[in-house]
Amino acid sequence: MSLNACIDLPPTYQVSVETVDGRGFTTAEIAESCASKIVEVADNADPLVKAQAYAFKNDIVKVIEYYMKEVVKSERTTICNAITNAGHKNLSELIRRL
């Protein structure tokens, strides 16, 4: 089976790859990456507009990171409950403490 797909992208489209070694990405790293996709500032933008855009981006990073941390806690609760319900309370407690 093969899949052929074409996507028309503007010539200025850029692809970037981010990696970490020996761990997953932190919520701060993902929030920063996400905010960079949401807020872009042109190099030749007015300095006042640039400053305002960067301030907005920093606020967006904080909001994204907060809610990502909430997702992590919620997912961990779901996993711990499933492991407890499967009869592995000790393992569940170890995971909860991470």
Protein backbone atom coordinates (compact mmCIF):
# COMPACT_ATOMS: atom_id res chain seq x y z
CA MET A 1 0.00 0.00 0.00
CA SER A 2 1.30 3.45 -0.82
CA LEU A 3 -0.01 6.86 -0.02
CA ASN A 4 0.70 9.81 -2.23
CA ALA A 5 -0.32 13.23 -1.02
CA CYS A 6 0.39 16.70 -2.31
CA ILE A 7 0.16 19.80 -0.21
CA ASP A 8 0.56 23.22 -1.75
CA LEU A 9 2.77 25.20 0.59
CA PRO A 10 4.00 28.73 0.11
CA PRO A 11 7.65 28.99 -0.96
CA THR A 12 8.50 30.64 2.36
CA TYR A 13 7.20 27.68 4.41
CA GLN A 14 9.83 26.34 6.80
CA VAL A 15 9.99 23.01 8.56
CA SER A 16 11.81 22.73 11.86
CA VAL A 17 12.68 19.72 13.98
CA GLU A 18 13.32 19.83 17.70
CA THR A 19 14.75 16.94 19.69
CA VAL A 20 15.81 16.17 23.24
CA ASP A 21 18.12 13.44 24.45
CA GLY A 22 17.15 10.81 27.01
CA ARG A 23 13.83 12.38 28.04
CA GLY A 24 10.60 13.81 26.73
CA PHE A 25 9.97 17.48 26.15
CA THR A 26 9.08 19.58 29.20
CA THR A 27 5.85 21.53 29.31
CA ALA A 28 7.92 24.73 29.10
CA GLU A 29 9.65 23.55 25.92
CA ILE A 30 6.39 22.54 24.26
CA ALA A 31 4.68 25.78 25.34
CA GLU A 32 7.51 27.83 23.83
CA SER A 33 7.35 25.88 20.58
CA CYS A 34 3.56 26.25 20.44
CA ALA A 35 3.67 29.98 21.10
CA SER A 36 6.26 30.39 18.36
CA LYS A 37 3.76 28.87 15.93
CA ILE A 38 0.97 31.17 17.16
CA VAL A 39 2.91 34.44 17.35
CA GLU A 40 5.42 35.48 14.70
CA VAL A 41 7.08 38.86 14.54
CA ALA A 42 8.60 40.20 11.35
CA ASP A 43 12.23 41.28 11.58
CA ASN A 44 11.35 44.61 10.01
CA ALA A 45 8.35 45.30 12.27
CA ASP A 46 8.11 48.59 14.11
CA PRO A 47 10.08 48.31 17.40
CA LEU A 48 6.99 49.14 19.49
CA VAL A 49 4.92 46.52 17.69
CA LYS A 50 7.75 44.01 18.14
CA ALA A 51 7.95 44.70 21.86
CA GLN A 52 4.18 44.32 22.25
CA ALA A 53 4.16 41.10 20.20
CA TYR A 54 6.99 39.57 22.25
CA ALA A 55 5.22 40.52 25.49
CA PHE A 56 2.04 38.88 24.17
CA LYS A 57 4.01 35.78 23.17
CA ASN A 58 5.50 35.51 26.67
CA ASP A 59 1.99 35.68 28.14
CA ILE A 60 0.80 33.00 25.70
CA VAL A 61 3.71 30.73 26.75
CA LYS A 62 2.63 31.02 30.40
CA VAL A 63 -1.01 30.21 29.61
CA ILE A 64 -0.11 27.23 27.42
CA GLU A 65 2.34 25.86 29.98
CA TYR A 66 -0.20 26.19 32.80
CA TYR A 67 -2.85 24.24 30.93
CA MET A 68 -0.35 21.64 29.74
CA LYS A 69 0.62 21.01 33.36
CA GLU A 70 -3.07 20.56 34.16
CA VAL A 71 -3.34 18.02 31.32
CA VAL A 72 -0.30 16.13 32.65
CA LYS A 73 -1.85 15.94 36.14
CA SER A 74 -5.19 14.82 34.76
CA GLU A 75 -3.64 12.17 32.52
CA ARG A 76 -1.54 10.87 35.41
CA THR A 77 -4.70 10.58 37.53
CA THR A 78 -6.42 8.63 34.75
CA ILE A 79 -3.42 6.29 34.41
CA CYS A 80 -3.12 5.76 38.16
CA ASN A 81 -6.83 4.97 38.46
CA ALA A 82 -6.62 2.45 35.62
CA ILE A 83 -3.59 0.75 37.20
CA THR A 84 -5.27 0.70 40.63
CA ASN A 85 -8.42 -0.76 39.09
CA ALA A 86 -6.27 -3.45 37.47
CA GLY A 87 -5.09 -4.46 40.95
CA HIS A 88 -1.67 -2.78 41.05
CA LYS A 89 -2.06 -0.19 43.79
CA ASN A 90 1.67 -0.09 44.62
CA LEU A 91 2.63 0.62 41.01
CA SER A 92 -0.11 3.22 40.80
CA GLU A 93 1.28 4.99 43.86
CA LEU A 94 4.81 5.03 42.38
CA ILE A 95 3.51 6.59 39.17
CA ARG A 96 1.43 9.13 41.07
CA ARG A 97 4.58 10.35 42.86
CA LEU A 98 6.47 11.09 39.62
